[in-house]
C-alpha cells in the first residue's frame, strides 16, 4: 500500500497509542504542547505554561538552547550516523573522556545507550557478565527496592518496585528481591535528608542471609526515588548500603537518571552523598532531552574485570544500533559546555534553600500530608479522595489549567524545575501550586464517580 496522498488530519488523536497515559480520557480533553523556550511551554492556542518538571526531569538547562541546536546541526552536516560495533567515531571517545573527568572516584568508563530504561538493563547485564568473568557465575540475583523506578525494560521493571509497572507483565526476571522503601511517617515534612531510616539498609543483610552472597550480583537503588513522588534517602542510608555491598562482594548500582547532571546541586548524587557506586545509570540531563541518550558509568575494577579474555574477543556481548549516536554525542557535549559555562550545578545548589522554603510554605494547606525536598526537586503528598490517584490527577490537570506543569504519581505531585529557573519563577510555581491544592480540596459529592 502506498502512503496516502494527503496528510492525516492534525486533530486526529486516535492513531497515537500514548505511553503512561489514560488514552481515552486524554483524547476527550487533550493537553497539547506546541512550543518551548527557557522554562516555559506554550499550548497550540498560545497559552503559556511554566515547566515545573523540566519536561520529564530531563531539560535541566532549559528549553530551546541555541548552542545545542547548533552542535546537532554541525554534526548532522558532518556525519549523520556511525556504528559503534567494532567501529567508532571521535565524538564518542571525546564525550566519554569528558564524562570521566566529571565523575567521582574511578568511574572511568562510559557505555552509551539511548534511554534510562536501556541504561538499567545494560547495567544489570554488565554486573552479571563481570561476576561470570571473575569465575563467580552463581551471582545472578538482583536486589531492588519497593517503590523504585528503573525504567520499563523487563530488567528494570523486575528490580523496580512500583506495583502498576509490574503487575501486568507476568513473572518478570527470576531471582529478584526488594528492600523496603524509605518513606516513613515519622519523617513527614522533612527538609532535605530525613533523619530516620538508615537502619532500613540492614534488610540487605537479611536477604544475604537468605540466599548467600555467592548468589547475589548487585543491588540497584535510586539515590532519591523519583517517579514514586520523590523520596530523598535517610541520612546514612546509602553509606550503609555501600558498606554491606563491600562486605559481601556485591555490586552497588545507583540509578541516577533523575539525580544526575545537577539536580541535587552536584554533578551526581554520588558526589552529594560521598558514596561511589560500582555502576551508575544516567540519561535525561545527559543531553538535555534534545536527542535520546543514556549510559552506564563503570568503575575501573569492573571494566578491567571484563577485559580478561583474548584481545580479539568481544568483551561484552551487548549493545545497541544507536549506542553513542553521533547526534546524541554532539548534543551531550554541548550540554556539558552549558553546565560548565553557566555553572548550573552550583546554581542549583544556591537555589535549593530558596526552593525548599517555597515548597514547605505549602504545609498546612488542605489535605497536604507530607512534603519532601532535596536539591531542586520536591514531592507533595495529598490525602486520597475516593479512589487512589483521584485527587492527584485533579491536581495535575488543575495546575495545567492554571499555567503550571507538574508530575503526578498516585496522590503525590512532584516538581523538578529546570536548573536555569529564577527566584521569581519559583515564586510563581509555589503560588500556582498553592492555588491548585486549594482548588482540589473539596470532597466529591456523594454518588459521583472517581473520574
Protein backbone atom coordinates (compact mmCIF):
# COMPACT_ATOMS: atom_id res chain seq x y z
CA UNK A 1 0.00 0.00 0.00
CA UNK A 2 1.39 3.39 -0.95
CA UNK A 3 1.43 6.31 1.52
CA UNK A 4 -1.72 8.46 1.42
CA UNK A 5 -1.71 11.46 -0.92
CA UNK A 6 -2.87 13.81 1.80
CA UNK A 7 -1.50 14.23 5.29
CA UNK A 8 -3.62 12.90 8.16
CA UNK A 9 -5.72 15.44 9.97
CA UNK A 10 -3.68 17.18 12.65
CA UNK A 11 -6.52 16.89 15.15
CA UNK A 12 -6.98 13.14 14.71
CA UNK A 13 -5.66 11.81 18.02
CA UNK A 14 -6.61 8.17 17.61
CA UNK A 15 -3.55 6.72 15.84
CA UNK A 16 -1.03 7.55 18.57
CA UNK A 17 -1.01 4.92 21.36
CA UNK A 18 0.24 7.20 24.14
CA UNK A 19 2.65 5.89 26.81
CA UNK A 20 1.79 6.04 30.52
CA UNK A 21 -1.48 7.77 29.63
CA UNK A 22 -5.20 7.19 30.13
CA UNK A 23 -5.65 7.33 26.36
CA UNK A 24 -9.46 7.55 26.22
CA UNK A 25 -9.60 10.18 28.94
CA UNK A 26 -6.82 12.28 27.37
CA UNK A 27 -8.32 12.22 23.89
CA UNK A 28 -11.62 13.57 25.21
CA UNK A 29 -9.81 16.60 26.64
CA UNK A 30 -6.24 16.72 25.31
CA UNK A 31 -3.42 18.74 26.84
CA UNK A 32 -1.15 19.67 23.93
CA UNK A 33 2.18 21.47 23.94
CA UNK A 34 3.34 23.24 20.78
CA UNK A 35 6.39 25.34 21.65
CA UNK A 36 9.05 25.58 24.35
CA UNK A 37 11.69 28.09 25.36
CA UNK A 38 13.59 28.63 28.60
CA UNK A 39 11.41 27.41 31.47
CA UNK A 40 8.10 27.62 29.58
CA UNK A 41 5.90 25.68 27.20
CA UNK A 42 3.13 27.13 25.07
CA UNK A 43 -0.07 25.38 24.01
CA UNK A 44 -1.23 25.46 20.37
CA UNK A 45 -3.59 28.27 21.40
CA UNK A 46 -0.66 30.31 22.74
CA UNK A 47 -1.27 29.78 26.46
CA UNK A 48 1.97 29.97 28.49
CA UNK A 49 2.79 27.06 30.85
CA UNK A 50 5.68 27.21 33.32
CA UNK A 51 7.60 23.94 33.23
CA UNK A 52 7.73 22.79 36.83
CA UNK A 53 9.15 19.39 35.89
CA UNK A 54 11.93 20.13 33.37
CA UNK A 55 9.93 18.12 30.85
CA UNK A 56 10.21 14.67 32.44
CA UNK A 57 13.03 15.54 34.87
CA UNK A 58 15.27 15.97 31.84
CA UNK A 59 15.50 19.51 30.44
CA UNK A 60 17.98 20.67 33.09
CA UNK A 61 19.45 23.53 31.04
CA UNK A 62 16.09 24.87 29.87
CA UNK A 63 14.31 24.54 26.53
CA UNK A 64 15.44 25.71 23.13
CA UNK A 65 19.16 26.11 23.77
CA UNK A 66 20.73 27.51 20.62
CA UNK A 67 24.14 26.03 21.47
CA UNK A 68 22.75 22.51 21.46
CA UNK A 69 20.80 23.04 18.26
CA UNK A 70 23.93 24.38 16.54
CA UNK A 71 26.02 21.40 17.71
CA UNK A 72 23.45 18.92 16.41
CA UNK A 73 23.22 20.75 13.08
CA UNK A 74 27.00 20.78 12.65
CA UNK A 75 27.21 17.08 13.39
CA UNK A 76 24.36 16.26 11.04
CA UNK A 77 26.12 18.17 8.28
CA UNK A 78 29.37 16.34 9.01
CA UNK A 79 28.07 12.79 9.59
CA UNK A 80 24.59 11.58 10.42
CA UNK A 81 25.38 8.10 11.74
CA UNK A 82 28.26 5.77 12.50
CA UNK A 83 28.12 2.27 14.04
CA UNK A 84 29.75 1.56 17.37
CA UNK A 85 30.17 -2.20 16.83
CA UNK A 86 33.85 -2.79 16.03
CA UNK A 87 33.95 0.80 14.73
CA UNK A 88 33.99 4.23 16.29
CA UNK A 89 33.78 7.98 15.73
CA UNK A 90 35.75 10.71 17.50
CA UNK A 91 32.88 12.39 19.34
CA UNK A 92 32.05 9.21 21.28
CA UNK A 93 35.56 9.00 22.71
CA UNK A 94 35.71 12.73 23.38
CA UNK A 95 32.40 12.63 25.25
CA UNK A 96 33.39 9.58 27.30
CA UNK A 97 36.61 11.32 28.37
CA UNK A 98 34.69 14.46 29.36
CA UNK A 99 32.21 12.44 31.37
CA UNK A 100 35.03 10.54 33.09
CA UNK A 101 36.58 13.83 34.19
CA UNK A 102 33.23 14.90 35.68
CA UNK A 103 32.52 11.75 37.66
CA UNK A 104 33.74 10.98 41.18
CA UNK A 105 36.27 8.30 42.07
CA UNK A 106 37.25 5.72 39.49
CA UNK A 107 34.02 5.69 37.48
CA UNK A 108 36.26 5.97 34.45
CA UNK A 109 34.33 4.24 31.67
CA UNK A 110 31.09 5.01 29.82
CA UNK A 111 28.83 2.57 27.98
CA UNK A 112 26.29 4.56 25.95
CA UNK A 113 22.73 3.68 25.01
CA UNK A 114 19.52 5.59 24.27
CA UNK A 115 17.44 5.87 27.45
CA UNK A 116 17.33 5.27 31.17
CA UNK A 117 15.49 2.00 30.60
CA UNK A 118 18.25 0.74 28.34
CA UNK A 119 20.87 2.00 30.78
CA UNK A 120 19.38 -0.07 33.60
CA UNK A 121 19.14 -3.25 31.58
CA UNK A 122 22.71 -2.65 30.39
CA UNK A 123 23.94 -2.19 33.96
CA UNK A 124 22.28 -5.42 35.08
CA UNK A 125 23.92 -7.31 32.21
CA UNK A 126 27.31 -5.75 32.92
CA UNK A 127 27.00 -6.87 36.54
CA UNK A 128 26.20 -10.45 35.51
CA UNK A 129 28.99 -10.53 32.95
CA UNK A 130 31.52 -9.14 35.44
CA UNK A 131 30.84 -11.81 38.04
CA UNK A 132 30.91 -14.54 35.41
CA UNK A 133 34.23 -13.26 34.05
CA UNK A 134 35.65 -13.47 37.58
CA UNK A 135 34.57 -17.08 37.97
CA UNK A 136 31.56 -16.24 40.17
CA UNK A 137 28.84 -17.12 37.72
CA UNK A 138 26.47 -18.14 40.52
CA UNK A 139 25.98 -14.44 41.32
CA UNK A 140 22.79 -13.95 39.34
CA UNK A 141 20.31 -12.48 41.83
CA UNK A 142 19.44 -8.79 41.98
CA UNK A 143 18.10 -6.68 44.83
CA UNK A 144 15.91 -3.67 44.06
CA UNK A 145 13.70 -1.61 46.33
CA UNK A 146 9.99 -1.13 46.89
CA UNK A 147 8.66 1.99 45.14
CA UNK A 148 11.78 2.12 42.98
CA UNK A 149 11.55 3.04 39.30
CA UNK A 150 14.19 1.77 36.90
CA UNK A 151 12.56 2.21 33.53
CA UNK A 152 10.33 -0.12 31.57
CA UNK A 153 12.57 -2.89 30.22
CA UNK A 154 11.94 -6.32 31.68
CA UNK A 155 15.07 -5.97 33.79
CA UNK A 156 14.07 -2.53 35.00
CA UNK A 157 10.54 -3.44 35.99
CA UNK A 158 11.81 -6.61 37.67
CA UNK A 159 14.14 -4.73 40.01
CA UNK A 160 11.71 -1.81 40.22
CA UNK A 161 9.10 -1.68 42.91
CA UNK A 162 6.14 0.31 41.59
CA UNK A 163 3.16 -2.03 41.57
CA UNK A 164 1.35 -0.82 38.46
CA UNK A 165 4.55 -1.06 36.42
CA UNK A 166 4.92 -4.73 37.40
CA UNK A 167 1.53 -6.36 37.85
CA UNK A 168 0.52 -6.51 34.17
CA UNK A 169 3.57 -8.32 32.84
CA UNK A 170 3.80 -11.77 34.38
CA UNK A 171 6.66 -13.38 36.25
CA UNK A 172 9.40 -10.95 35.06
CA UNK A 173 13.04 -11.84 35.79
CA UNK A 174 13.54 -14.63 38.32
CA UNK A 175 15.75 -14.19 41.35
CA UNK A 176 14.91 -10.63 42.38
CA UNK A 177 14.40 -9.42 45.96
CA UNK A 178 13.36 -5.98 47.17
CA UNK A 179 14.48 -3.81 50.05
CA UNK A 180 11.76 -1.88 51.89
CA UNK A 181 11.10 1.68 50.76
CA UNK A 182 12.26 4.56 52.96
CA UNK A 183 9.06 6.62 53.13
CA UNK A 184 8.44 6.69 56.90
CA UNK A 185 5.60 8.59 58.55
CA UNK A 186 7.93 9.89 61.29
CA UNK A 187 9.94 11.69 58.60
CA UNK A 188 6.94 13.72 57.37
CA UNK A 189 7.75 17.26 56.26
CA UNK A 190 11.50 16.66 56.38
CA UNK A 191 13.69 19.34 54.87
CA UNK A 192 16.48 17.67 52.93
CA UNK A 193 17.52 14.19 54.01
CA UNK A 194 15.18 12.57 56.56
CA UNK A 195 16.64 11.82 59.99
CA UNK A 196 15.18 8.32 60.33
CA UNK A 197 15.54 5.17 58.26
CA UNK A 198 19.23 4.37 57.81
CA UNK A 199 18.58 1.06 59.51
CA UNK A 200 16.34 0.01 56.62
CA UNK A 201 19.52 -0.71 54.66
CA UNK A 202 20.21 -3.57 57.08
CA UNK A 203 17.43 -5.52 55.38
CA UNK A 204 20.09 -6.32 52.80
CA UNK A 205 21.86 -8.42 55.42
CA UNK A 206 18.70 -10.49 55.85
CA UNK A 207 18.50 -11.04 52.09
CA UNK A 208 22.15 -12.07 52.04
CA UNK A 209 21.44 -14.49 54.86
CA UNK A 210 18.56 -15.99 52.91
CA UNK A 211 20.36 -16.50 49.58
CA UNK A 212 24.06 -16.28 50.50
CA UNK A 213 26.22 -13.55 49.00
CA UNK A 214 27.67 -16.01 46.48
CA UNK A 215 24.35 -15.85 44.61
CA UNK A 216 23.78 -12.06 44.60
CA UNK A 217 25.13 -9.96 41.74
CA UNK A 218 24.05 -6.41 42.52
CA UNK A 219 21.84 -4.01 44.45
CA UNK A 220 20.19 -1.22 42.49
CA UNK A 221 18.61 1.88 44.02
CA UNK A 222 17.80 5.42 43.03
CA UNK A 223 19.71 7.72 45.42
CA UNK A 224 16.49 9.76 45.51
CA UNK A 225 13.47 7.76 44.37
CA UNK A 226 11.86 9.99 41.76
CA UNK A 227 8.81 8.62 39.98
CA UNK A 228 7.16 7.44 43.18
CA UNK A 229 6.75 11.03 44.40
CA UNK A 230 10.36 11.96 45.26
CA UNK A 231 11.89 10.28 48.29
CA UNK A 232 15.32 11.57 49.41
CA UNK A 233 17.41 8.95 51.24
CA UNK A 234 17.59 8.94 55.05
CA UNK A 235 20.86 10.17 56.50
CA UNK A 236 23.39 7.34 56.50
CA UNK A 237 21.25 5.01 54.39
CA UNK A 238 23.30 4.98 51.19
CA UNK A 239 26.52 4.79 53.16
CA UNK A 240 25.21 1.70 54.93
CA UNK A 241 24.24 0.05 51.64
CA UNK A 242 27.75 0.67 50.33
CA UNK A 243 29.28 -0.92 53.43
CA UNK A 244 27.13 -4.05 53.20
CA UNK A 245 27.78 -4.46 49.47
CA UNK A 246 31.54 -4.13 50.05
CA UNK A 247 31.38 -6.66 52.86
CA UNK A 248 29.76 -9.30 50.63
CA UNK A 249 31.31 -8.54 47.22
CA UNK A 250 28.00 -7.29 45.81
CA UNK A 251 27.99 -4.55 43.17
CA UNK A 252 26.11 -1.36 44.02
CA UNK A 253 24.25 0.35 41.17
CA UNK A 254 22.99 3.92 41.50
CA UNK A 255 20.19 4.80 39.10
CA UNK A 256 20.99 8.48 38.57
CA UNK A 257 18.73 9.00 35.58
CA UNK A 258 16.93 11.72 37.58
CA UNK A 259 19.60 12.87 40.04
CA UNK A 260 22.45 13.05 37.52
CA UNK A 261 23.68 16.30 35.99
CA UNK A 262 22.93 18.85 38.66
CA UNK A 263 19.55 18.06 40.14
CA UNK A 264 20.99 17.92 43.69
CA UNK A 265 23.44 20.79 43.27
CA UNK A 266 26.33 18.48 42.38
CA UNK A 267 27.22 16.68 39.18
CA UNK A 268 25.80 13.44 40.57
CA UNK A 269 24.13 12.18 43.73
CA UNK A 270 27.28 10.13 44.32
CA UNK A 271 29.08 13.47 44.84
CA UNK A 272 26.32 14.80 47.08
CA UNK A 273 26.35 11.82 49.41
CA UNK A 274 30.01 10.86 49.14
CA UNK A 275 29.10 7.31 48.10
CA UNK A 276 30.60 5.90 44.90
CA UNK A 277 28.63 3.10 43.24
CA UNK A 278 30.19 0.41 41.07
CA UNK A 279 27.84 1.23 38.21
CA UNK A 280 25.83 4.39 37.61
CA UNK A 281 22.97 4.69 35.13
CA UNK A 282 22.28 8.07 33.53
CA UNK A 283 20.02 9.60 30.87
CA UNK A 284 17.67 12.63 30.84
CA UNK A 285 20.01 15.53 31.71
CA UNK A 286 22.87 13.95 29.79
CA UNK A 287 21.59 15.51 26.54
CA UNK A 288 19.03 17.96 27.94
CA UNK A 289 16.48 15.67 26.24
CA UNK A 290 17.31 17.02 22.77
CA UNK A 291 18.48 13.68 21.34
CA UNK A 292 17.65 10.47 23.23
CA UNK A 293 20.69 9.20 25.13
CA UNK A 294 21.55 7.14 28.18
CA UNK A 295 24.58 5.48 29.61
CA UNK A 296 26.21 3.33 32.24
CA UNK A 297 29.25 4.74 34.00
CA UNK A 298 31.51 1.91 35.14
CA UNK A 299 34.22 1.76 37.81
CA UNK A 300 37.67 0.76 36.66
CA UNK A 301 37.78 -2.61 38.52
CA UNK A 302 34.51 -3.68 36.89
CA UNK A 303 35.67 -2.63 33.43
CA UNK A 304 39.05 -4.29 33.95
CA UNK A 305 37.31 -7.46 35.11
CA UNK A 306 35.68 -7.75 31.68
CA UNK A 307 38.97 -7.27 29.82
CA UNK A 308 40.43 -10.67 30.73
CA UNK A 309 39.75 -12.70 27.57
CA UNK A 310 41.68 -12.88 24.29
CA UNK A 311 42.31 -9.45 22.79
CA UNK A 312 40.43 -10.32 19.61
CA UNK A 313 37.33 -11.49 21.52
CA UNK A 314 34.31 -9.26 22.13
CA UNK A 315 34.40 -8.20 25.79
CA UNK A 316 30.66 -7.73 26.33
CA UNK A 317 28.05 -9.24 24.02
CA UNK A 318 25.69 -6.32 24.42
CA UNK A 319 24.99 -3.03 22.66
CA UNK A 320 22.55 -1.01 20.58
CA UNK A 321 22.46 0.19 16.98
CA UNK A 322 22.32 3.73 18.30
CA UNK A 323 24.91 3.42 21.09
CA UNK A 324 26.94 6.67 21.08
CA UNK A 325 24.93 8.03 18.16
CA UNK A 326 26.87 10.96 16.66
CA UNK A 327 24.00 13.42 17.08
CA UNK A 328 23.49 12.39 20.70
CA UNK A 329 27.21 12.73 21.42
CA UNK A 330 27.27 16.19 19.84
CA UNK A 331 24.25 17.25 21.90
CA UNK A 332 25.65 15.82 25.14
CA UNK A 333 28.99 17.56 24.62
CA UNK A 334 27.24 20.89 24.01
CA UNK A 335 25.20 20.34 27.17
CA UNK A 336 28.39 19.83 29.17
CA UNK A 337 29.62 23.17 27.83
CA UNK A 338 26.44 24.86 29.09
CA UNK A 339 26.65 23.21 32.50
CA UNK A 340 30.26 24.40 32.77
CA UNK A 341 29.95 27.89 31.30
CA UNK A 342 26.79 28.78 33.26
CA UNK A 343 27.90 26.93 36.41
CA UNK A 344 24.47 25.33 36.58
CA UNK A 345 25.34 22.71 39.21
CA UNK A 346 26.44 25.46 41.60
CA UNK A 347 23.37 27.48 40.65
CA UNK A 348 21.19 24.51 41.55
CA UNK A 349 22.86 24.29 44.96
CA UNK A 350 22.43 28.03 45.56
CA UNK A 351 18.74 27.99 44.62
CA UNK A 352 17.92 24.87 46.64
CA UNK A 353 17.36 26.64 50.01
CA UNK A 354 15.00 29.13 48.35
CA UNK A 355 13.17 26.26 46.67
CA UNK A 356 12.99 24.42 50.00
CA UNK A 357 11.45 27.40 51.77
CA UNK A 358 8.93 27.78 48.97
CA UNK A 359 7.69 24.21 48.86
CA UNK A 360 7.50 23.92 52.64
CA UNK A 361 5.40 27.10 52.78
CA UNK A 362 2.62 24.88 51.38
CA UNK A 363 2.45 22.95 54.65
CA UNK A 364 -0.90 23.48 56.31
CA UNK A 365 -2.86 23.77 53.08
CA UNK A 366 -5.88 21.45 52.80
CA UNK A 367 -5.06 17.72 52.50
CA UNK A 368 -1.28 18.19 52.36
CA UNK A 369 0.03 15.19 54.32
CA UNK A 370 3.75 15.37 53.54
CA UNK A 371 6.33 17.50 51.73
CA UNK A 372 9.81 16.27 50.79
CA UNK A 373 12.67 18.07 49.09
CA UNK A 374 16.34 17.79 48.26
CA UNK A 375 18.12 19.86 45.64
CA UNK A 376 15.82 21.38 43.02
CA UNK A 377 13.08 18.78 43.39
CA UNK A 378 10.18 18.12 45.71
CA UNK A 379 7.29 15.75 46.34
CA UNK A 380 3.96 16.72 47.90
CA UNK A 381 1.54 14.08 49.18
CA UNK A 382 -2.18 14.84 49.14
CA UNK A 383 -4.78 12.92 51.12
CA UNK A 384 -6.69 10.47 48.89
CA UNK A 385 -10.11 11.45 47.57
CA UNK A 386 -12.04 8.30 46.83
CA UNK A 387 -10.07 6.03 44.52
CA UNK A 388 -6.30 6.30 44.84
CA UNK A 389 -4.95 8.88 42.41
CA UNK A 390 -8.17 10.84 42.03
CA UNK A 391 -7.02 13.92 43.91
CA UNK A 392 -3.55 13.65 42.41
CA UNK A 393 -4.98 13.64 38.89
CA UNK A 394 -7.24 16.57 39.71
CA UNK A 395 -4.21 18.50 40.99
CA UNK A 396 -2.23 17.65 37.85
CA UNK A 397 -4.99 18.87 35.50
CA UNK A 398 -5.88 21.93 37.61
CA UNK A 399 -2.23 23.02 37.72
CA UNK A 400 -2.06 22.78 33.91
CA UNK A 401 -5.25 24.80 33.67
CA UNK A 402 -3.64 27.47 35.90
CA UNK A 403 -0.42 27.52 33.88
CA UNK A 404 1.93 25.04 35.58
CA UNK A 405 3.12 21.58 34.58
CA UNK A 406 3.68 19.12 37.45
CA UNK A 407 4.07 15.35 37.64
CA UNK A 408 1.54 13.05 39.28
CA UNK A 409 2.19 9.71 40.99
CA UNK A 410 -0.92 8.44 42.69
CA UNK A 411 -1.92 11.22 45.08
CA UNK A 412 1.55 12.75 45.11
CA UNK A 413 2.69 15.57 42.88
CA UNK A 414 6.35 16.03 42.07
CA UNK A 415 8.24 19.05 40.77
CA UNK A 416 11.76 19.44 39.39
CA UNK A 417 12.19 22.72 37.51
CA UNK A 418 14.98 23.43 35.03
CA UNK A 419 18.22 24.49 36.71
CA UNK A 420 18.00 27.85 34.93
CA UNK A 421 14.89 28.77 36.92
CA UNK A 422 14.80 32.24 38.50
CA UNK A 423 13.59 33.01 42.02
CA UNK A 424 10.59 34.92 40.66
CA UNK A 425 9.64 31.84 38.64
CA UNK A 426 9.98 29.65 41.74
CA UNK A 427 7.57 32.05 43.44
CA UNK A 428 5.19 31.61 40.52
CA UNK A 429 5.40 27.81 40.77
CA UNK A 430 4.68 27.91 44.51
CA UNK A 431 1.78 30.33 44.04
CA UNK A 432 0.11 28.21 41.36
CA UNK A 433 0.71 25.04 43.39
CA UNK A 434 -1.00 26.63 46.40
CA UNK A 435 -3.97 27.65 44.26
CA UNK A 436 -4.10 24.14 42.82
CA UNK A 437 -4.11 22.45 46.22
CA UNK A 438 -6.90 24.70 47.43
CA UNK A 439 -8.91 24.13 44.26
CA UNK A 440 -8.87 20.34 44.64
CA UNK A 441 -9.59 20.40 48.37
CA UNK A 442 -13.39 19.90 48.30
CA UNK A 443 -14.55 16.31 48.51
CA UNK A 444 -16.69 14.87 45.75
CA UNK A 445 -20.40 14.88 46.30
CA UNK A 446 -21.98 11.54 47.20
CA UNK A 447 -22.77 9.41 44.18
CA UNK A 448 -20.13 10.97 41.91
CA UNK A 449 -17.53 8.70 40.28
CA UNK A 450 -13.79 8.92 40.66
CA UNK A 451 -13.26 10.33 37.17
